[in-house]
């Protein structure tokens, strides 16, 4: 189980760094130009804080896997993380429109990759909680 936490920690920290490229990749300079200043700034600030939280969850998994797996507090945290990533999985399946990825090779690959990643995170965190 500990190895899964190390893998998850590394992957989440990597995912957090990918957020650095979101503004350029998603062309936010042009795309967000038509929204109000508050909406533009909220997108940027929320993206930063999402990346920060994802990084910190990854860091927690890397540095405290034993505690997360074997302590009451750790099991409470893993339960919360299981719920969090389970909800993220739900959004991947039912909230994002399939128009964003259907018929597009790269986008479909990314959709499936993240679908599998959210399943992996949810299963590992729930497994750690109830084992």
Protein backbone atom coordinates (compact mmCIF):
# COMPACT_ATOMS: atom_id res chain seq x y z
CA UNK A 1 0.00 0.00 0.00
CA UNK A 2 2.83 2.36 0.87
CA UNK A 3 4.18 2.15 -2.69
CA UNK A 4 0.81 3.36 -4.01
CA UNK A 5 1.03 6.43 -1.80
CA UNK A 6 4.53 7.15 -3.13
CA UNK A 7 3.30 6.77 -6.73
CA UNK A 8 0.25 8.94 -6.05
CA UNK A 9 2.39 11.56 -4.31
CA UNK A 10 4.77 11.79 -7.25
CA UNK A 11 1.95 11.91 -9.81
CA UNK A 12 0.01 14.57 -7.92
CA UNK A 13 3.08 16.76 -7.55
CA UNK A 14 3.71 16.38 -11.29
CA UNK A 15 0.06 17.23 -12.00
CA UNK A 16 0.35 20.36 -9.89
CA UNK A 17 3.29 21.58 -11.98
CA UNK A 18 1.36 21.02 -15.21
CA UNK A 19 -0.99 23.80 -14.07
CA UNK A 20 1.81 26.26 -14.89
CA UNK A 21 1.14 25.63 -18.59
CA UNK A 22 -2.66 25.97 -18.46
CA UNK A 23 -2.85 29.69 -19.34
CA UNK A 24 -0.78 29.26 -22.49
CA UNK A 25 -2.22 25.87 -23.55
CA UNK A 26 -5.83 26.97 -23.09
CA UNK A 27 -5.11 30.41 -24.59
CA UNK A 28 -6.43 32.24 -21.54
CA UNK A 29 -5.10 35.59 -22.73
CA UNK A 30 -7.60 35.53 -25.61
CA UNK A 31 -10.28 33.24 -24.14
CA UNK A 32 -10.66 35.13 -20.88
CA UNK A 33 -10.45 38.55 -22.49
CA UNK A 34 -14.23 38.70 -22.85
CA UNK A 35 -14.99 38.04 -19.17
CA UNK A 36 -14.90 40.59 -16.37
CA UNK A 37 -11.70 41.33 -14.48
CA UNK A 38 -12.98 39.51 -11.38
CA UNK A 39 -13.74 36.35 -13.37
CA UNK A 40 -10.35 36.48 -15.10
CA UNK A 41 -8.54 36.88 -11.81
CA UNK A 42 -10.65 34.21 -10.09
CA UNK A 43 -9.69 31.72 -12.83
CA UNK A 44 -6.01 32.43 -12.30
CA UNK A 45 -6.15 32.52 -8.50
CA UNK A 46 -8.28 29.37 -8.23
CA UNK A 47 -6.02 27.53 -10.65
CA UNK A 48 -3.03 28.48 -8.50
CA UNK A 49 -4.69 27.28 -5.31
CA UNK A 50 -5.91 24.05 -6.92
CA UNK A 51 -2.34 23.39 -8.04
CA UNK A 52 -1.06 24.21 -4.55
CA UNK A 53 -3.53 21.86 -2.84
CA UNK A 54 -2.78 19.07 -5.33
CA UNK A 55 0.95 19.58 -4.67
CA UNK A 56 0.43 19.50 -0.90
CA UNK A 57 -1.68 16.32 -1.11
CA UNK A 58 1.12 14.78 -3.16
CA UNK A 59 3.71 15.92 -0.64
CA UNK A 60 1.61 14.49 2.20
CA UNK A 61 1.40 11.13 0.41
CA UNK A 62 5.16 11.08 -0.19
CA UNK A 63 6.21 12.09 3.30
CA UNK A 64 3.52 10.56 5.50
CA UNK A 65 2.35 7.35 3.82
CA UNK A 66 2.86 5.25 6.95
CA UNK A 67 0.82 7.64 9.10
CA UNK A 68 -1.93 7.88 6.47
CA UNK A 69 -2.20 4.09 6.33
CA UNK A 70 -1.84 3.16 10.01
CA UNK A 71 -3.25 5.94 12.21
CA UNK A 72 -6.80 6.98 13.02
CA UNK A 73 -6.11 10.52 11.80
CA UNK A 74 -4.49 9.10 8.66
CA UNK A 75 -7.54 6.99 7.92
CA UNK A 76 -9.78 10.02 8.42
CA UNK A 77 -7.63 11.97 5.95
CA UNK A 78 -7.60 9.12 3.43
CA UNK A 79 -11.38 8.86 3.72
CA UNK A 80 -11.68 12.57 2.92
CA UNK A 81 -9.28 12.20 0.01
CA UNK A 82 -11.23 9.19 -1.26
CA UNK A 83 -14.40 11.27 -1.24
CA UNK A 84 -12.62 14.21 -2.89
CA UNK A 85 -11.18 12.15 -5.75
CA UNK A 86 -14.37 10.11 -6.05
CA UNK A 87 -16.29 13.35 -6.65
CA UNK A 88 -13.61 14.39 -9.15
CA UNK A 89 -14.17 11.06 -10.94
CA UNK A 90 -17.93 11.73 -10.98
CA UNK A 91 -17.29 15.12 -12.61
CA UNK A 92 -15.03 13.51 -15.21
CA UNK A 93 -17.80 11.08 -16.10
CA UNK A 94 -20.94 13.19 -15.83
CA UNK A 95 -20.18 16.91 -15.69
CA UNK A 96 -17.61 17.51 -18.44
CA UNK A 97 -19.33 17.39 -21.82
CA UNK A 98 -18.28 14.58 -24.12
CA UNK A 99 -18.16 17.26 -26.85
CA UNK A 100 -14.83 18.26 -25.34
CA UNK A 101 -13.17 14.94 -26.21
CA UNK A 102 -15.30 12.73 -28.47
CA UNK A 103 -13.83 12.32 -31.93
CA UNK A 104 -10.55 13.97 -30.92
CA UNK A 105 -7.66 11.56 -30.51
CA UNK A 106 -5.51 13.58 -28.07
CA UNK A 107 -8.43 14.83 -25.96
CA UNK A 108 -9.95 11.32 -25.77
CA UNK A 109 -6.60 9.92 -24.63
CA UNK A 110 -6.32 12.58 -21.92
CA UNK A 111 -9.93 11.99 -20.87
CA UNK A 112 -9.31 8.25 -20.48
CA UNK A 113 -5.95 8.79 -18.76
CA UNK A 114 -7.48 11.08 -16.15
CA UNK A 115 -10.53 8.84 -15.78
CA UNK A 116 -8.18 5.99 -14.87
CA UNK A 117 -6.13 8.26 -12.61
CA UNK A 118 -9.20 9.42 -10.65
CA UNK A 119 -10.30 5.77 -10.29
CA UNK A 120 -6.81 4.83 -9.04
CA UNK A 121 -6.75 7.67 -6.49
CA UNK A 122 -10.26 6.90 -5.24
CA UNK A 123 -9.61 3.16 -4.90
CA UNK A 124 -6.27 3.57 -3.13
CA UNK A 125 -7.57 6.14 -0.64
CA UNK A 126 -10.73 4.17 0.12
CA UNK A 127 -8.72 0.93 0.35
CA UNK A 128 -6.37 2.56 2.85
CA UNK A 129 -9.33 3.84 4.85
CA UNK A 130 -11.13 0.53 5.19
CA UNK A 131 -8.18 -1.86 5.44
